[in-house]
Amino acid sequence: MACEITVGSSLKDISFVNSDIIAALESNSIKLYQTETSRRIMTIGCEEETNQLHGADENCCFLIQCTGIRVLNSKTGQLIRWHTLEESEEIVASHWKSERLATIVENKIHKSRQVELKQNA
């Protein structure tokens, strides 16, 4: 059975929260849908423009935004953690597993890149 989820034209990224739920990222909100029924079950508003939904599971959604990485609770939308960037830094890429977050951060002033590895405890 195919799942057809209609989202706005501002769709940027998607991620599976688990096998039953898909998270769709638009400019400043995440919408969670049931894959069986295509029914929207929750909308999580984002305060600023979000560039990438770079991971989601049954507990958290990880968002890459202009000033850092925001970690939101998937069930309530509440902020859990916030990884702040310096003014001269920009996130190039990021990869997330349930226990760790690896991010490539570019420093424009020093023209260098480094990998930041953080525990998701």
N, C-alpha and C. Protein backbone atom coordinates (compact mmCIF):
# COMPACT_ATOMS: atom_id res chain seq x y z
N MET A 1 0.84 -1.18 0.00
CA MET A 1 0.00 0.00 0.00
C MET A 1 0.89 1.25 0.00
N ALA A 2 0.66 2.12 -0.94
CA ALA A 2 1.46 3.34 -1.05
C ALA A 2 0.95 4.39 -0.07
N CYS A 3 1.89 5.18 0.39
CA CYS A 3 1.55 6.27 1.30
C CYS A 3 1.72 7.58 0.53
N GLU A 4 0.67 8.37 0.44
CA GLU A 4 0.76 9.65 -0.26
C GLU A 4 0.53 10.76 0.76
N ILE A 5 1.59 11.51 1.01
CA ILE A 5 1.52 12.61 1.96
C ILE A 5 1.68 13.91 1.19
N THR A 6 0.69 14.78 1.29
CA THR A 6 0.75 16.07 0.61
C THR A 6 1.31 17.10 1.58
N VAL A 7 2.38 17.74 1.17
CA VAL A 7 2.99 18.78 2.00
C VAL A 7 3.08 20.06 1.19
N GLY A 8 3.43 21.14 1.85
CA GLY A 8 3.53 22.42 1.18
C GLY A 8 4.69 22.48 0.20
N SER A 9 4.71 23.52 -0.60
CA SER A 9 5.78 23.69 -1.60
C SER A 9 7.11 24.01 -0.96
N SER A 10 7.11 24.30 0.34
CA SER A 10 8.36 24.63 1.03
C SER A 10 9.04 23.40 1.64
N LEU A 11 8.66 22.19 1.21
CA LEU A 11 9.28 20.96 1.72
C LEU A 11 10.77 20.96 1.43
N LYS A 12 11.58 20.70 2.47
CA LYS A 12 13.04 20.72 2.32
C LYS A 12 13.68 19.37 2.56
N ASP A 13 13.13 18.59 3.49
CA ASP A 13 13.80 17.36 3.89
C ASP A 13 12.80 16.44 4.56
N ILE A 14 13.12 15.14 4.59
CA ILE A 14 12.29 14.18 5.30
C ILE A 14 13.17 13.23 6.09
N SER A 15 12.60 12.60 7.10
CA SER A 15 13.31 11.61 7.90
C SER A 15 12.29 10.69 8.52
N PHE A 16 12.64 9.41 8.69
CA PHE A 16 11.75 8.49 9.39
C PHE A 16 12.00 8.58 10.88
N VAL A 17 10.93 8.78 11.65
CA VAL A 17 11.03 8.77 13.10
C VAL A 17 11.08 7.32 13.56
N ASN A 18 10.20 6.50 13.01
CA ASN A 18 10.26 5.04 13.13
C ASN A 18 9.51 4.48 11.93
N SER A 19 9.25 3.19 11.89
CA SER A 19 8.63 2.62 10.70
C SER A 19 7.21 3.11 10.47
N ASP A 20 6.57 3.67 11.50
CA ASP A 20 5.19 4.13 11.39
C ASP A 20 5.04 5.62 11.14
N ILE A 21 6.10 6.38 11.37
CA ILE A 21 5.98 7.85 11.31
C ILE A 21 7.08 8.44 10.44
N ILE A 22 6.69 9.39 9.59
CA ILE A 22 7.66 10.13 8.78
C ILE A 22 7.61 11.60 9.21
N ALA A 23 8.78 12.24 9.28
CA ALA A 23 8.87 13.65 9.64
C ALA A 23 9.20 14.43 8.37
N ALA A 24 8.40 15.44 8.06
CA ALA A 24 8.63 16.28 6.89
C ALA A 24 8.99 17.68 7.35
N LEU A 25 10.12 18.19 6.86
CA LEU A 25 10.59 19.53 7.23
C LEU A 25 10.17 20.54 6.18
N GLU A 26 9.51 21.61 6.64
CA GLU A 26 9.23 22.75 5.78
C GLU A 26 10.07 23.92 6.31
N SER A 27 9.90 25.10 5.78
CA SER A 27 10.78 26.23 6.13
C SER A 27 10.92 26.44 7.63
N ASN A 28 9.82 26.50 8.34
CA ASN A 28 9.94 26.71 9.79
C ASN A 28 8.97 25.86 10.59
N SER A 29 8.78 24.62 10.13
CA SER A 29 8.01 23.65 10.92
C SER A 29 8.34 22.23 10.49
N ILE A 30 8.16 21.31 11.44
CA ILE A 30 8.28 19.88 11.14
C ILE A 30 6.89 19.31 11.31
N LYS A 31 6.45 18.52 10.34
CA LYS A 31 5.15 17.87 10.44
C LYS A 31 5.38 16.37 10.50
N LEU A 32 4.77 15.72 11.49
CA LEU A 32 4.88 14.27 11.64
C LEU A 32 3.62 13.62 11.09
N TYR A 33 3.80 12.61 10.23
CA TYR A 33 2.68 11.92 9.58
C TYR A 33 2.75 10.42 9.86
N GLN A 34 1.58 9.77 9.96
CA GLN A 34 1.53 8.32 10.04
C GLN A 34 1.67 7.77 8.63
N THR A 35 2.56 6.79 8.45
CA THR A 35 2.78 6.26 7.10
C THR A 35 1.61 5.39 6.62
N GLU A 36 0.88 4.76 7.53
CA GLU A 36 -0.24 3.89 7.13
C GLU A 36 -1.41 4.70 6.59
N THR A 37 -1.73 5.81 7.24
CA THR A 37 -2.94 6.56 6.90
C THR A 37 -2.65 7.89 6.21
N SER A 38 -1.40 8.33 6.19
CA SER A 38 -0.98 9.65 5.68
C SER A 38 -1.53 10.80 6.52
N ARG A 39 -2.09 10.49 7.68
CA ARG A 39 -2.69 11.51 8.54
C ARG A 39 -1.60 12.24 9.33
N ARG A 40 -1.71 13.59 9.39
CA ARG A 40 -0.75 14.37 10.17
C ARG A 40 -1.08 14.22 11.64
N ILE A 41 -0.06 13.91 12.45
CA ILE A 41 -0.31 13.70 13.88
C ILE A 41 0.24 14.84 14.74
N MET A 42 1.17 15.62 14.22
CA MET A 42 1.69 16.74 15.00
C MET A 42 2.48 17.70 14.13
N THR A 43 2.47 18.97 14.52
CA THR A 43 3.31 19.99 13.90
C THR A 43 4.20 20.60 14.98
N ILE A 44 5.50 20.65 14.71
CA ILE A 44 6.45 21.28 15.62
C ILE A 44 6.95 22.56 14.95
N GLY A 45 6.68 23.69 15.55
CA GLY A 45 7.12 24.96 14.98
C GLY A 45 8.59 25.22 15.27
N CYS A 46 9.28 25.84 14.33
CA CYS A 46 10.69 26.20 14.50
C CYS A 46 10.79 27.72 14.51
N GLU A 47 11.57 28.25 15.43
CA GLU A 47 11.65 29.70 15.59
C GLU A 47 12.36 30.38 14.43
N GLU A 48 13.33 29.70 13.84
CA GLU A 48 14.06 30.31 12.74
C GLU A 48 14.07 29.37 11.54
N GLU A 49 14.45 29.91 10.39
CA GLU A 49 14.54 29.12 9.17
C GLU A 49 15.42 27.90 9.41
N THR A 50 14.94 26.74 9.02
CA THR A 50 15.67 25.50 9.24
C THR A 50 16.19 24.96 7.92
N ASN A 51 17.48 24.64 7.89
CA ASN A 51 18.11 24.20 6.65
C ASN A 51 17.99 22.71 6.40
N GLN A 52 18.03 21.91 7.46
CA GLN A 52 18.04 20.47 7.27
C GLN A 52 17.48 19.77 8.49
N LEU A 53 16.67 18.74 8.26
CA LEU A 53 16.25 17.84 9.32
C LEU A 53 17.20 16.67 9.21
N HIS A 54 18.23 16.64 10.04
CA HIS A 54 19.29 15.69 9.77
C HIS A 54 19.20 14.43 10.60
N GLY A 55 18.07 14.23 11.25
CA GLY A 55 17.83 12.98 11.96
C GLY A 55 16.58 13.07 12.79
N ALA A 56 15.88 11.97 12.92
CA ALA A 56 14.69 11.92 13.76
C ALA A 56 14.51 10.49 14.24
N ASP A 57 14.09 10.35 15.48
CA ASP A 57 13.69 9.04 15.98
C ASP A 57 12.48 9.23 16.87
N GLU A 58 12.10 8.20 17.62
CA GLU A 58 10.90 8.31 18.44
C GLU A 58 11.06 9.31 19.58
N ASN A 59 12.29 9.73 19.88
CA ASN A 59 12.52 10.67 20.98
C ASN A 59 12.84 12.09 20.54
N CYS A 60 13.64 12.23 19.47
CA CYS A 60 14.19 13.54 19.12
C CYS A 60 14.15 13.82 17.63
N CYS A 61 14.11 15.11 17.30
CA CYS A 61 14.35 15.60 15.94
C CYS A 61 15.57 16.51 16.01
N PHE A 62 16.52 16.32 15.10
CA PHE A 62 17.73 17.13 15.07
C PHE A 62 17.66 18.06 13.87
N LEU A 63 17.72 19.37 14.11
CA LEU A 63 17.58 20.37 13.05
C LEU A 63 18.87 21.15 12.90
N ILE A 64 19.29 21.38 11.65
CA ILE A 64 20.41 22.28 11.41
C ILE A 64 19.82 23.64 11.05
N GLN A 65 20.15 24.66 11.85
CA GLN A 65 19.66 26.00 11.61
C GLN A 65 20.84 26.94 11.41
N CYS A 66 20.55 28.20 11.17
CA CYS A 66 21.61 29.16 10.85
C CYS A 66 22.64 29.29 11.96
N THR A 67 22.21 29.22 13.20
CA THR A 67 23.11 29.48 14.31
C THR A 67 23.52 28.24 15.10
N GLY A 68 23.13 27.07 14.62
CA GLY A 68 23.53 25.86 15.33
C GLY A 68 22.61 24.69 15.10
N ILE A 69 22.68 23.72 16.00
CA ILE A 69 21.85 22.53 15.91
C ILE A 69 20.86 22.54 17.07
N ARG A 70 19.60 22.40 16.75
CA ARG A 70 18.54 22.37 17.76
C ARG A 70 18.04 20.93 17.87
N VAL A 71 17.91 20.45 19.09
CA VAL A 71 17.40 19.10 19.35
C VAL A 71 16.04 19.24 20.02
N LEU A 72 14.98 18.74 19.35
CA LEU A 72 13.62 18.88 19.87
C LEU A 72 13.05 17.52 20.25
N ASN A 73 12.18 17.50 21.24
CA ASN A 73 11.46 16.30 21.62
C ASN A 73 10.42 16.00 20.54
N SER A 74 10.41 14.78 19.99
CA SER A 74 9.50 14.42 18.91
C SER A 74 8.04 14.38 19.34
N LYS A 75 7.78 14.17 20.61
CA LYS A 75 6.39 14.04 21.07
C LYS A 75 5.78 15.38 21.50
N THR A 76 6.61 16.26 22.06
CA THR A 76 6.08 17.52 22.60
C THR A 76 6.54 18.75 21.82
N GLY A 77 7.62 18.62 21.04
CA GLY A 77 8.17 19.77 20.34
C GLY A 77 9.06 20.64 21.21
N GLN A 78 9.24 20.28 22.48
CA GLN A 78 10.06 21.08 23.39
C GLN A 78 11.54 20.95 23.07
N LEU A 79 12.27 22.05 23.31
CA LEU A 79 13.71 22.07 23.11
C LEU A 79 14.39 21.22 24.18
N ILE A 80 15.25 20.30 23.73
CA ILE A 80 16.01 19.46 24.65
C ILE A 80 17.43 20.01 24.80
N ARG A 81 18.08 20.27 23.66
CA ARG A 81 19.46 20.77 23.67
C ARG A 81 19.67 21.72 22.50
N TRP A 82 20.70 22.52 22.62
CA TRP A 82 21.03 23.49 21.56
C TRP A 82 22.53 23.57 21.44
N HIS A 83 23.09 23.22 20.27
CA HIS A 83 24.52 23.33 20.02
C HIS A 83 24.75 24.63 19.25
N THR A 84 25.37 25.62 19.89
CA THR A 84 25.54 26.94 19.30
C THR A 84 26.82 27.02 18.47
N LEU A 85 26.74 27.76 17.37
CA LEU A 85 27.91 28.02 16.53
C LEU A 85 28.45 29.41 16.80
N GLU A 86 29.75 29.59 16.55
CA GLU A 86 30.35 30.92 16.59
C GLU A 86 29.88 31.69 15.36
N GLU A 87 30.04 33.01 15.37
CA GLU A 87 29.61 33.84 14.24
C GLU A 87 30.28 33.46 12.94
N SER A 88 31.55 33.05 13.01
CA SER A 88 32.31 32.75 11.80
C SER A 88 32.15 31.29 11.36
N GLU A 89 31.37 30.50 12.10
CA GLU A 89 31.25 29.08 11.80
C GLU A 89 29.99 28.76 11.00
N GLU A 90 30.09 27.70 10.23
CA GLU A 90 28.96 27.24 9.45
C GLU A 90 29.00 25.71 9.41
N ILE A 91 27.83 25.08 9.51
CA ILE A 91 27.77 23.63 9.43
C ILE A 91 27.82 23.21 7.97
N VAL A 92 28.78 22.35 7.64
CA VAL A 92 28.93 21.86 6.27
C VAL A 92 28.12 20.57 6.10
N ALA A 93 28.23 19.66 7.04
CA ALA A 93 27.51 18.39 6.98
C ALA A 93 27.39 17.85 8.39
N SER A 94 26.45 16.94 8.57
CA SER A 94 26.28 16.37 9.89
C SER A 94 25.68 14.97 9.77
N HIS A 95 26.05 14.10 10.69
CA HIS A 95 25.52 12.74 10.70
C HIS A 95 25.15 12.39 12.13
N TRP A 96 24.03 11.74 12.29
CA TRP A 96 23.52 11.48 13.62
C TRP A 96 23.20 10.01 13.79
N LYS A 97 23.60 9.45 14.91
CA LYS A 97 23.18 8.12 15.36
C LYS A 97 22.55 8.33 16.73
N SER A 98 21.87 7.31 17.23
CA SER A 98 21.13 7.50 18.48
C SER A 98 21.99 8.00 19.63
N GLU A 99 23.27 7.62 19.65
CA GLU A 99 24.10 8.01 20.79
C GLU A 99 25.11 9.11 20.48
N ARG A 100 25.36 9.41 19.20
CA ARG A 100 26.37 10.43 18.88
C ARG A 100 25.97 11.30 17.69
N LEU A 101 26.51 12.51 17.73
CA LEU A 101 26.27 13.49 16.68
C LEU A 101 27.62 13.96 16.17
N ALA A 102 27.89 13.75 14.88
CA ALA A 102 29.15 14.20 14.28
C ALA A 102 28.84 15.32 13.29
N THR A 103 29.53 16.42 13.42
CA THR A 103 29.25 17.59 12.59
C THR A 103 30.55 18.15 12.03
N ILE A 104 30.57 18.45 10.73
CA ILE A 104 31.71 19.16 10.13
C ILE A 104 31.39 20.65 10.21
N VAL A 105 32.24 21.38 10.91
CA VAL A 105 32.04 22.82 11.08
C VAL A 105 33.18 23.55 10.38
N GLU A 106 32.83 24.52 9.55
CA GLU A 106 33.83 25.32 8.84
C GLU A 106 33.95 26.68 9.51
N ASN A 107 35.18 27.09 9.82
CA ASN A 107 35.44 28.40 10.38
C ASN A 107 35.91 29.30 9.23
N LYS A 108 35.08 30.29 8.87
CA LYS A 108 35.37 31.14 7.72
C LYS A 108 36.56 32.07 7.96
N ILE A 109 36.76 32.50 9.20
CA ILE A 109 37.88 33.40 9.50
C ILE A 109 39.20 32.66 9.40
N HIS A 110 39.29 31.50 10.03
CA HIS A 110 40.54 30.73 10.03
C HIS A 110 40.65 29.78 8.84
N LYS A 111 39.63 29.76 7.99
CA LYS A 111 39.61 28.91 6.79
C LYS A 111 39.99 27.46 7.14
N SER A 112 39.32 26.94 8.14
CA SER A 112 39.60 25.56 8.56
C SER A 112 38.29 24.82 8.80
N ARG A 113 38.37 23.50 8.73
CA ARG A 113 37.22 22.66 9.03
C ARG A 113 37.59 21.69 10.13
N GLN A 114 36.64 21.42 10.99
CA GLN A 114 36.89 20.43 12.03
C GLN A 114 35.63 19.59 12.23
N VAL A 115 35.83 18.37 12.72
CA VAL A 115 34.71 17.50 13.05
C VAL A 115 34.45 17.61 14.54
N GLU A 116 33.22 17.91 14.89
CA GLU A 116 32.83 17.96 16.29
C GLU A 116 31.99 16.72 16.57
N LEU A 117 32.39 15.94 17.56
CA LEU A 117 31.66 14.73 17.94
C LEU A 117 31.07 14.95 19.32
N LYS A 118 29.75 14.84 19.41
CA LYS A 118 29.07 15.10 20.69
C LYS A 118 28.24 13.90 21.09
N GLN A 119 28.17 13.67 22.39
CA GLN A 119 27.36 12.60 22.95
C GLN A 119 25.91 13.08 23.03
N ASN A 120 24.97 12.23 22.70
CA ASN A 120 23.55 12.60 22.78
C ASN A 120 22.92 12.05 24.05
N ALA A 121 23.59 12.23 25.16
CA ALA A 121 23.10 11.66 26.43
C ALA A 121 21.90 12.43 26.94
